[in-house]
PDB file of all heavy atoms in Angstrom:
ATOM      1  N   LEU A   1     -39.504   8.453  83.015  1.00  0.00           N
ATOM      2  CA  LEU A   1     -39.165   7.599  84.132  1.00  0.00           C
ATOM      3  C   LEU A   1     -40.120   6.423  84.232  1.00  0.00           C
ATOM      4  O   LEU A   1     -39.685   5.305  84.535  1.00  0.00           O
ATOM      5  CB  LEU A   1     -39.270   8.443  85.433  1.00  0.00           C
ATOM      6  CG  LEU A   1     -38.063   9.347  85.754  1.00  0.00           C
ATOM      7  CD1 LEU A   1     -38.375  10.124  87.012  1.00  0.00           C
ATOM      8  CD2 LEU A   1     -36.810   8.534  85.887  1.00  0.00           C
ATOM      9  N   ARG A   2     -41.390   6.649  84.002  1.00  0.00           N
ATOM     10  CA  ARG A   2     -42.346   5.542  84.063  1.00  0.00           C
ATOM     11  C   ARG A   2     -42.064   4.492  82.994  1.00  0.00           C
ATOM     12  O   ARG A   2     -42.309   3.318  83.203  1.00  0.00           O
ATOM     13  CB  ARG A   2     -43.785   6.087  83.867  1.00  0.00           C
ATOM     14  CG  ARG A   2     -44.322   6.875  85.061  1.00  0.00           C
ATOM     15  CD  ARG A   2     -45.745   7.315  84.775  1.00  0.00           C
ATOM     16  NE  ARG A   2     -46.623   6.199  84.459  1.00  0.00           N
ATOM     17  CZ  ARG A   2     -47.872   6.335  84.034  1.00  0.00           C
ATOM     18  NH1 ARG A   2     -48.368   7.565  83.824  1.00  0.00           N
ATOM     19  NH2 ARG A   2     -48.609   5.281  83.778  1.00  0.00           N
ATOM     20  N   ALA A   3     -41.533   4.936  81.853  1.00  0.00           N
ATOM     21  CA  ALA A   3     -41.211   3.996  80.784  1.00  0.00           C
ATOM     22  C   ALA A   3     -39.851   3.369  80.977  1.00  0.00           C
ATOM     23  O   ALA A   3     -39.409   2.534  80.172  1.00  0.00           O
ATOM     24  CB  ALA A   3     -41.233   4.739  79.442  1.00  0.00           C
ATOM     25  N   GLY A   4     -39.127   3.746  82.061  1.00  0.00           N
ATOM     26  CA  GLY A   4     -37.813   3.170  82.357  1.00  0.00           C
ATOM     27  C   GLY A   4     -36.702   3.701  81.499  1.00  0.00           C
ATOM     28  O   GLY A   4     -35.694   3.052  81.283  1.00  0.00           O
ATOM     29  N   THR A   5     -36.878   4.931  80.951  1.00  0.00           N
ATOM     30  CA  THR A   5     -35.845   5.525  80.086  1.00  0.00           C
ATOM     31  C   THR A   5     -35.600   6.951  80.577  1.00  0.00           C
ATOM     32  O   THR A   5     -36.177   7.450  81.540  1.00  0.00           O
ATOM     33  CB  THR A   5     -36.320   5.555  78.625  1.00  0.00           C
ATOM     34  OG1 THR A   5     -37.513   6.356  78.523  1.00  0.00           O
ATOM     35  CG2 THR A   5     -36.621   4.170  78.104  1.00  0.00           C
ATOM     36  N   GLY A   6     -34.682   7.597  79.905  1.00  0.00           N
ATOM     37  CA  GLY A   6     -34.377   9.030  80.173  1.00  0.00           C
ATOM     38  C   GLY A   6     -34.383   9.824  78.902  1.00  0.00           C
ATOM     39  O   GLY A   6     -34.242   9.272  77.803  1.00  0.00           O
ATOM     40  N   ASN A   7     -34.563  11.131  79.022  1.00  0.00           N
ATOM     41  CA  ASN A   7     -34.534  12.002  77.843  1.00  0.00           C
ATOM     42  C   ASN A   7     -34.038  13.392  78.303  1.00  0.00           C
ATOM     43  O   ASN A   7     -33.742  13.617  79.458  1.00  0.00           O
ATOM     44  CB  ASN A   7     -35.911  12.088  77.158  1.00  0.00           C
ATOM     45  CG  ASN A   7     -37.016  12.543  78.112  1.00  0.00           C
ATOM     46  OD1 ASN A   7     -36.735  13.089  79.206  1.00  0.00           O
ATOM     47  ND2 ASN A   7     -38.253  12.350  77.736  1.00  0.00           N
ATOM     48  N   MET A   8     -33.953  14.271  77.334  1.00  0.00           N
ATOM     49  CA  MET A   8     -33.470  15.601  77.614  1.00  0.00           C
ATOM     50  C   MET A   8     -34.372  16.374  78.566  1.00  0.00           C
ATOM     51  O   MET A   8     -33.907  17.117  79.420  1.00  0.00           O
ATOM     52  CB  MET A   8     -33.326  16.384  76.315  1.00  0.00           C
ATOM     53  CG  MET A   8     -32.604  17.745  76.496  1.00  0.00           C
ATOM     54  SD  MET A   8     -32.537  18.712  74.987  1.00  0.00           S
ATOM     55  CE  MET A   8     -34.253  19.249  74.889  1.00  0.00           C
ATOM     56  N   ASP A   9     -35.677  16.138  78.442  1.00  0.00           N
ATOM     57  CA  ASP A   9     -36.610  16.843  79.344  1.00  0.00           C
ATOM     58  C   ASP A   9     -36.353  16.452  80.807  1.00  0.00           C
ATOM     59  O   ASP A   9     -36.428  17.312  81.707  1.00  0.00           O
ATOM     60  CB  ASP A   9     -38.050  16.460  78.957  1.00  0.00           C
ATOM     61  CG  ASP A   9     -38.425  16.988  77.579  1.00  0.00           C
ATOM     62  OD1 ASP A   9     -37.973  18.073  77.239  1.00  0.00           O
ATOM     63  OD2 ASP A   9     -39.129  16.295  76.846  1.00  0.00           O
ATOM     64  N   LEU A  10     -36.055  15.204  81.030  1.00  0.00           N
ATOM     65  CA  LEU A  10     -35.760  14.745  82.400  1.00  0.00           C
ATOM     66  C   LEU A  10     -34.498  15.431  82.915  1.00  0.00           C
ATOM     67  O   LEU A  10     -34.425  15.864  84.088  1.00  0.00           O
ATOM     68  CB  LEU A  10     -35.614  13.223  82.404  1.00  0.00           C
ATOM     69  CG  LEU A  10     -35.260  12.596  83.778  1.00  0.00           C
ATOM     70  CD1 LEU A  10     -36.327  12.889  84.794  1.00  0.00           C
ATOM     71  CD2 LEU A  10     -35.055  11.085  83.626  1.00  0.00           C
ATOM     72  N   LEU A  11     -33.482  15.535  82.071  1.00  0.00           N
ATOM     73  CA  LEU A  11     -32.230  16.187  82.483  1.00  0.00           C
ATOM     74  C   LEU A  11     -32.469  17.667  82.786  1.00  0.00           C
ATOM     75  O   LEU A  11     -31.938  18.200  83.779  1.00  0.00           O
ATOM     76  CB  LEU A  11     -31.193  16.028  81.405  1.00  0.00           C
ATOM     77  CG  LEU A  11     -30.707  14.602  81.115  1.00  0.00           C
ATOM     78  CD1 LEU A  11     -29.726  14.609  79.936  1.00  0.00           C
ATOM     79  CD2 LEU A  11     -30.046  13.981  82.352  1.00  0.00           C
ATOM     80  N   VAL A  12     -33.248  18.334  81.950  1.00  0.00           N
ATOM     81  CA  VAL A  12     -33.566  19.765  82.222  1.00  0.00           C
ATOM     82  C   VAL A  12     -34.312  19.910  83.523  1.00  0.00           C
ATOM     83  O   VAL A  12     -34.004  20.807  84.329  1.00  0.00           O
ATOM     84  CB  VAL A  12     -34.360  20.348  81.037  1.00  0.00           C
ATOM     85  CG1 VAL A  12     -34.859  21.731  81.362  1.00  0.00           C
ATOM     86  CG2 VAL A  12     -33.523  20.408  79.780  1.00  0.00           C
ATOM     87  N   ALA A  13     -35.303  19.070  83.774  1.00  0.00           N
ATOM     88  CA  ALA A  13     -36.078  19.134  84.997  1.00  0.00           C
ATOM     89  C   ALA A  13     -35.191  18.926  86.216  1.00  0.00           C
ATOM     90  O   ALA A  13     -35.274  19.676  87.201  1.00  0.00           O
ATOM     91  CB  ALA A  13     -37.222  18.114  84.972  1.00  0.00           C
ATOM     92  N   ILE A  14     -34.320  17.955  86.188  1.00  0.00           N
ATOM     93  CA  ILE A  14     -33.456  17.675  87.344  1.00  0.00           C
ATOM     94  C   ILE A  14     -32.455  18.819  87.565  1.00  0.00           C
ATOM     95  O   ILE A  14     -32.273  19.311  88.697  1.00  0.00           O
ATOM     96  CB  ILE A  14     -32.711  16.330  87.139  1.00  0.00           C
ATOM     97  CG1 ILE A  14     -33.690  15.157  87.173  1.00  0.00           C
ATOM     98  CG2 ILE A  14     -31.624  16.165  88.230  1.00  0.00           C
ATOM     99  CD1 ILE A  14     -33.048  13.823  86.820  1.00  0.00           C
ATOM    100  N   GLY A  15     -31.809  19.272  86.494  1.00  0.00           N
ATOM    101  CA  GLY A  15     -30.799  20.312  86.638  1.00  0.00           C
ATOM    102  C   GLY A  15     -31.351  21.605  87.102  1.00  0.00           C
ATOM    103  O   GLY A  15     -30.803  22.244  88.040  1.00  0.00           O
ATOM    104  N   THR A  16     -32.467  22.061  86.508  1.00  0.00           N
ATOM    105  CA  THR A  16     -33.026  23.364  86.914  1.00  0.00           C
ATOM    106  C   THR A  16     -33.667  23.284  88.301  1.00  0.00           C
ATOM    107  O   THR A  16     -33.575  24.266  89.072  1.00  0.00           O
ATOM    108  CB  THR A  16     -34.069  23.831  85.881  1.00  0.00           C
ATOM    109  OG1 THR A  16     -35.058  22.825  85.761  1.00  0.00           O
ATOM    110  CG2 THR A  16     -33.421  24.090  84.535  1.00  0.00           C
ATOM    111  N   SER A  17     -34.215  22.132  88.647  1.00  0.00           N
ATOM    112  CA  SER A  17     -34.790  22.012  90.018  1.00  0.00           C
ATOM    113  C   SER A  17     -33.702  22.045  91.047  1.00  0.00           C
ATOM    114  O   SER A  17     -33.897  22.618  92.150  1.00  0.00           O
ATOM    115  CB  SER A  17     -35.538  20.646  90.117  1.00  0.00           C
ATOM    116  OG  SER A  17     -36.664  20.600  89.247  1.00  0.00           O
ATOM    117  N   ALA A  18     -32.528  21.476  90.716  1.00  0.00           N
ATOM    118  CA  ALA A  18     -31.380  21.534  91.655  1.00  0.00           C
ATOM    119  C   ALA A  18     -30.962  22.983  91.877  1.00  0.00           C
ATOM    120  O   ALA A  18     -30.717  23.403  93.009  1.00  0.00           O
ATOM    121  CB  ALA A  18     -30.241  20.696  91.112  1.00  0.00           C
ATOM    122  N   GLY A  19     -30.902  23.777  90.778  1.00  0.00           N
ATOM    123  CA  GLY A  19     -30.511  25.169  90.927  1.00  0.00           C
ATOM    124  C   GLY A  19     -31.498  25.986  91.727  1.00  0.00           C
ATOM    125  O   GLY A  19     -31.144  26.783  92.569  1.00  0.00           O
ATOM    126  N   TRP A  20     -32.783  25.775  91.426  1.00  0.00           N
ATOM    127  CA  TRP A  20     -33.852  26.482  92.169  1.00  0.00           C
ATOM    128  C   TRP A  20     -33.858  26.077  93.636  1.00  0.00           C
ATOM    129  O   TRP A  20     -33.959  26.911  94.550  1.00  0.00           O
ATOM    130  CB  TRP A  20     -35.200  26.186  91.513  1.00  0.00           C
ATOM    131  CG  TRP A  20     -36.331  27.027  92.064  1.00  0.00           C
ATOM    132  CD1 TRP A  20     -36.756  28.232  91.666  1.00  0.00           C
ATOM    133  CD2 TRP A  20     -37.165  26.638  93.177  1.00  0.00           C
ATOM    134  NE1 TRP A  20     -37.819  28.668  92.420  1.00  0.00           N
ATOM    135  CE2 TRP A  20     -38.091  27.702  93.374  1.00  0.00           C
ATOM    136  CE3 TRP A  20     -37.248  25.540  94.022  1.00  0.00           C
ATOM    137  CZ2 TRP A  20     -39.074  27.679  94.358  1.00  0.00           C
ATOM    138  CZ3 TRP A  20     -38.227  25.532  95.006  1.00  0.00           C
ATOM    139  CH2 TRP A  20     -39.121  26.580  95.188  1.00  0.00           C
ATOM    140  N   GLY A  21     -33.751  24.760  93.901  1.00  0.00           N
ATOM    141  CA  GLY A  21     -33.768  24.295  95.282  1.00  0.00           C
ATOM    142  C   GLY A  21     -32.577  24.769  96.078  1.00  0.00           C
ATOM    143  O   GLY A  21     -32.678  25.139  97.260  1.00  0.00           O
ATOM    144  N   LEU A  22     -31.375  24.780  95.453  1.00  0.00           N
ATOM    145  CA  LEU A  22     -30.205  25.276  96.132  1.00  0.00           C
ATOM    146  C   LEU A  22     -30.324  26.758  96.470  1.00  0.00           C
ATOM    147  O   LEU A  22     -29.924  27.189  97.547  1.00  0.00           O
ATOM    148  CB  LEU A  22     -28.958  25.049  95.272  1.00  0.00           C
ATOM    149  CG  LEU A  22     -27.599  25.546  95.818  1.00  0.00           C
ATOM    150  CD1 LEU A  22     -27.275  24.859  97.141  1.00  0.00           C
ATOM    151  CD2 LEU A  22     -26.517  25.373  94.798  1.00  0.00           C
ATOM    152  N   SER A  23     -30.909  27.497  95.559  1.00  0.00           N
ATOM    153  CA  SER A  23     -31.124  28.942  95.822  1.00  0.00           C
ATOM    154  C   SER A  23     -32.049  29.132  96.992  1.00  0.00           C
ATOM    155  O   SER A  23     -31.837  30.036  97.842  1.00  0.00           O
ATOM    156  CB  SER A  23     -31.711  29.630  94.553  1.00  0.00           C
ATOM    157  OG  SER A  23     -30.786  29.511  93.500  1.00  0.00           O
ATOM    158  N   MET A  24     -33.124  28.357  97.074  1.00  0.00           N
ATOM    159  CA  MET A  24     -34.047  28.459  98.184  1.00  0.00           C
ATOM    160  C   MET A  24     -33.345  28.138  99.513  1.00  0.00           C
ATOM    161  O   MET A  24     -33.532  28.833 100.516  1.00  0.00           O
ATOM    162  CB  MET A  24     -35.239  27.507  97.997  1.00  0.00           C
ATOM    163  CG  MET A  24     -36.214  27.945  96.905  1.00  0.00           C
ATOM    164  SD  MET A  24     -37.060  29.514  97.304  1.00  0.00           S
ATOM    165  CE  MET A  24     -37.986  29.032  98.738  1.00  0.00           C
ATOM    166  N   TRP A  25     -32.511  27.114  99.526  1.00  0.00           N
ATOM    167  CA  TRP A  25     -31.807  26.743 100.760  1.00  0.00           C
ATOM    168  C   TRP A  25     -30.821  27.829 101.192  1.00  0.00           C
ATOM    169  O   TRP A  25     -30.777  28.200 102.372  1.00  0.00           O
ATOM    170  CB  TRP A  25     -31.083  25.434 100.547  1.00  0.00           C
ATOM    171  CG  TRP A  25     -30.398  24.919 101.798  1.00  0.00           C
ATOM    172  CD1 TRP A  25     -30.891  24.173 102.792  1.00  0.00           C
ATOM    173  CD2 TRP A  25     -29.022  25.199 102.137  1.00  0.00           C
ATOM    174  NE1 TRP A  25     -29.975  23.934 103.750  1.00  0.00           N
ATOM    175  CE2 TRP A  25     -28.796  24.546 103.387  1.00  0.00           C
ATOM    176  CE3 TRP A  25     -27.970  25.910 101.545  1.00  0.00           C
ATOM    177  CZ2 TRP A  25     -27.580  24.595 104.020  1.00  0.00           C
ATOM    178  CZ3 TRP A  25     -26.763  25.934 102.181  1.00  0.00           C
ATOM    179  CH2 TRP A  25     -26.553  25.288 103.424  1.00  0.00           C
ATOM    180  N   MET A  26     -30.089  28.351 100.206  1.00  0.00           N
ATOM    181  CA  MET A  26     -29.117  29.396 100.541  1.00  0.00           C
ATOM    182  C   MET A  26     -29.799  30.692 101.003  1.00  0.00           C
ATOM    183  O   MET A  26     -29.265  31.428 101.863  1.00  0.00           O
ATOM    184  CB  MET A  26     -28.218  29.704  99.333  1.00  0.00           C
ATOM    185  CG  MET A  26     -27.346  28.528  98.920  1.00  0.00           C
ATOM    186  SD  MET A  26     -26.313  28.878  97.469  1.00  0.00           S
ATOM    187  CE  MET A  26     -25.191  30.064  98.138  1.00  0.00           C
ATOM    188  N   TRP A  27     -30.991  30.962 100.463  1.00  0.00           N
ATOM    189  CA  TRP A  27     -31.753  32.181 100.853  1.00  0.00           C
ATOM    190  C   TRP A  27     -32.379  31.992 102.229  1.00  0.00           C
ATOM    191  O   TRP A  27     -32.242  32.825 103.124  1.00  0.00           O
ATOM    192  CB  TRP A  27     -32.761  32.463  99.793  1.00  0.00           C
ATOM    193  CG  TRP A  27     -33.683  33.628 100.083  1.00  0.00           C
ATOM    194  CD1 TRP A  27     -33.405  34.733 100.795  1.00  0.00           C
ATOM    195  CD2 TRP A  27     -35.036  33.754  99.652  1.00  0.00           C
ATOM    196  NE1 TRP A  27     -34.489  35.574 100.852  1.00  0.00           N
ATOM    197  CE2 TRP A  27     -35.506  35.002 100.141  1.00  0.00           C
ATOM    198  CE3 TRP A  27     -35.876  32.973  98.878  1.00  0.00           C
ATOM    199  CZ2 TRP A  27     -36.799  35.449  99.888  1.00  0.00           C
ATOM    200  CZ3 TRP A  27     -37.167  33.453  98.646  1.00  0.00           C
ATOM    201  CH2 TRP A  27     -37.615  34.672  99.145  1.00  0.00           C
ATOM    202  N   GLN A  28     -33.108  30.906 102.407  1.00  0.00           N
ATOM    203  CA  GLN A  28     -33.881  30.721 103.647  1.00  0.00           C
ATOM    204  C   GLN A  28     -33.074  30.164 104.831  1.00  0.00           C
ATOM    205  O   GLN A  28     -33.362  30.493 105.973  1.00  0.00           O
ATOM    206  CB  GLN A  28     -35.047  29.781 103.336  1.00  0.00           C
ATOM    207  CG  GLN A  28     -36.052  30.324 102.330  1.00  0.00           C
ATOM    208  CD  GLN A  28     -36.765  31.568 102.869  1.00  0.00           C
ATOM    209  OE1 GLN A  28     -37.025  31.728 104.074  1.00  0.00           O
ATOM    210  NE2 GLN A  28     -37.085  32.476 101.930  1.00  0.00           N
ATOM    211  N   VAL A  29     -32.078  29.330 104.540  1.00  0.00           N
ATOM    212  CA  VAL A  29     -31.374  28.651 105.621  1.00  0.00           C
ATOM    213  C   VAL A  29     -29.995  29.305 105.847  1.00  0.00           C
ATOM    214  O   VAL A  29     -29.657  29.681 106.956  1.00  0.00           O
ATOM    215  CB  VAL A  29     -31.195  27.167 105.312  1.00  0.00           C
ATOM    216  CG1 VAL A  29     -30.421  26.471 106.433  1.00  0.00           C
ATOM    217  CG2 VAL A  29     -32.583  26.503 105.137  1.00  0.00           C
ATOM    218  N   ALA A  30     -29.225  29.423 104.790  1.00  0.00           N
ATOM    219  CA  ALA A  30     -27.875  29.940 104.944  1.00  0.00           C
ATOM    220  C   ALA A  30     -27.809  31.483 104.984  1.00  0.00           C
ATOM    221  O   ALA A  30     -26.808  32.056 105.401  1.00  0.00           O
ATOM    222  CB  ALA A  30     -26.984  29.443 103.808  1.00  0.00           C
ATOM    223  N   GLY A  31     -28.862  32.119 104.534  1.00  0.00           N
ATOM    224  CA  GLY A  31     -28.902  33.600 104.558  1.00  0.00           C
ATOM    225  C   GLY A  31     -27.925  34.234 103.599  1.00  0.00           C
ATOM    226  O   GLY A  31     -27.505  35.363 103.773  1.00  0.00           O
ATOM    227  N   SER A  32     -27.554  33.526 102.519  1.00  0.00           N
ATOM    228  CA  SER A  32     -26.599  34.032 101.559  1.00  0.00           C
ATOM    229  C   SER A  32     -27.314  34.846 100.462  1.00  0.00           C
ATOM    230  O   SER A  32     -28.464  34.608 100.158  1.00  0.00           O
ATOM    231  CB  SER A  32     -25.855  32.868 100.880  1.00  0.00           C
ATOM    232  OG  SER A  32     -25.012  33.346  99.856  1.00  0.00           O
ATOM    233  N   GLU A  33     -26.619  35.821  99.889  1.00  0.00           N
ATOM    234  CA  GLU A  33     -27.151  36.613  98.782  1.00  0.00           C
ATOM    235  C   GLU A  33     -26.722  36.066  97.433  1.00  0.00           C
ATOM    236  O   GLU A  33     -27.168  36.584  96.403  1.00  0.00           O
ATOM    237  CB  GLU A  33     -26.688  38.074  98.941  1.00  0.00           C
ATOM    238  CG  GLU A  33     -27.232  38.765 100.148  1.00  0.00           C
ATOM    239  CD  GLU A  33     -26.808  40.212 100.246  1.00  0.00           C
ATOM    240  OE1 GLU A  33     -26.020  40.604  99.353  1.00  0.00           O
ATOM    241  OE2 GLU A  33     -27.240  40.935 101.152  1.00  0.00           O
ATOM    242  N   HIS A  34     -25.854  35.077  97.406  1.00  0.00           N
ATOM    243  CA  HIS A  34     -25.392  34.505  96.134  1.00  0.00           C
ATOM    244  C   HIS A  34     -26.333  33.366  95.757  1.00  0.00           C
ATOM    245  O   HIS A  34     -26.160  32.205  96.176  1.00  0.00           O
ATOM    246  CB  HIS A  34     -23.955  34.000  96.289  1.00  0.00           C
ATOM    247  CG  HIS A  34     -22.985  35.060  96.628  1.00  0.00           C
ATOM    248  ND1 HIS A  34     -22.563  36.009  95.757  1.00  0.00           N
ATOM    249  CD2 HIS A  34     -22.366  35.384  97.817  1.00  0.00           C
ATOM    250  CE1 HIS A  34     -21.728  36.849  96.329  1.00  0.00           C
ATOM    251  NE2 HIS A  34     -21.584  36.505  97.603  1.00  0.00           N
ATOM    252  N   LEU A  35     -27.326  33.713  94.977  1.00  0.00           N
ATOM    253  CA  LEU A  35     -28.376  32.749  94.590  1.00  0.00           C
ATOM    254  C   LEU A  35     -28.226  32.387  93.113  1.00  0.00           C
ATOM    255  O   LEU A  35     -27.534  33.044  92.335  1.00  0.00           O
ATOM    256  CB  LEU A  35     -29.747  33.355  94.867  1.00  0.00           C
ATOM    257  CG  LEU A  35     -29.946  33.904  96.269  1.00  0.00           C
ATOM    258  CD1 LEU A  35     -31.324  34.517  96.407  1.00  0.00           C
ATOM    259  CD2 LEU A  35     -29.707  32.817  97.343  1.00  0.00           C
ATOM    260  N   TYR A  36     -28.961  31.347  92.735  1.00  0.00           N
ATOM    261  CA  TYR A  36     -28.846  30.805  91.379  1.00  0.00           C
ATOM    262  C   TYR A  36     -30.223  30.710  90.683  1.00  0.00           C
ATOM    263  O   TYR A  36     -30.426  29.921  89.782  1.00  0.00           O
ATOM    264  CB  TYR A  36     -28.192  29.408  91.381  1.00  0.00           C
ATOM    265  CG  TYR A  36     -26.817  29.440  92.017  1.00  0.00           C
ATOM    266  CD1 TYR A  36     -26.644  29.133  93.336  1.00  0.00           C
ATOM    267  CD2 TYR A  36     -25.698  29.796  91.231  1.00  0.00           C
ATOM    268  CE1 TYR A  36     -25.387  29.179  93.921  1.00  0.00           C
ATOM    269  CE2 TYR A  36     -24.463  29.851  91.807  1.00  0.00           C
ATOM    270  CZ  TYR A  36     -24.299  29.517  93.155  1.00  0.00           C
ATOM    271  OH  TYR A  36     -23.021  29.563  93.705  1.00  0.00           O
ATOM    272  N   PHE A  37     -31.156  31.599  91.073  1.00  0.00           N
ATOM    273  CA  PHE A  37     -32.446  31.584  90.436  1.00  0.00           C
ATOM    274  C   PHE A  37     -32.333  31.903  88.946  1.00  0.00           C
ATOM    275  O   PHE A  37     -33.067  31.316  88.102  1.00  0.00           O
ATOM    276  CB  PHE A  37     -33.387  32.608  91.092  1.00  0.00           C
ATOM    277  CG  PHE A  37     -33.893  32.204  92.430  1.00  0.00           C
ATOM    278  CD1 PHE A  37     -33.595  32.925  93.562  1.00  0.00           C
ATOM    279  CD2 PHE A  37     -34.702  31.057  92.562  1.00  0.00           C
ATOM    280  CE1 PHE A  37     -34.085  32.536  94.814  1.00  0.00           C
ATOM    281  CE2 PHE A  37     -35.186  30.654  93.798  1.00  0.00           C
ATOM    282  CZ  PHE A  37     -34.885  31.407  94.924  1.00  0.00           C
ATOM    283  N   GLU A  38     -31.406  32.814  88.619  1.00  0.00           N
ATOM    284  CA  GLU A  38     -31.280  33.194  87.200  1.00  0.00           C
ATOM    285  C   GLU A  38     -30.810  32.051  86.335  1.00  0.00           C
ATOM    286  O   GLU A  38     -31.181  31.916  85.179  1.00  0.00           O
ATOM    287  CB  GLU A  38     -30.353  34.405  87.041  1.00  0.00           C
ATOM    288  CG  GLU A  38     -28.867  34.120  87.036  1.00  0.00           C
ATOM    289  CD  GLU A  38     -28.329  33.732  88.422  1.00  0.00           C
ATOM    290  OE1 GLU A  38     -29.010  34.018  89.418  1.00  0.00           O
ATOM    291  OE2 GLU A  38     -27.218  33.223  88.476  1.00  0.00           O
TER     292      GLU A  38
END
């Protein structure tokens, strides 16, 4: 990002962070048991 480009590592970081963050929201806020930590 600092170099103004993208790579596979950036995509992995964004995608997995989205899955982990969604799981936290569904667990703590929505109270759902269908999580995506795995």
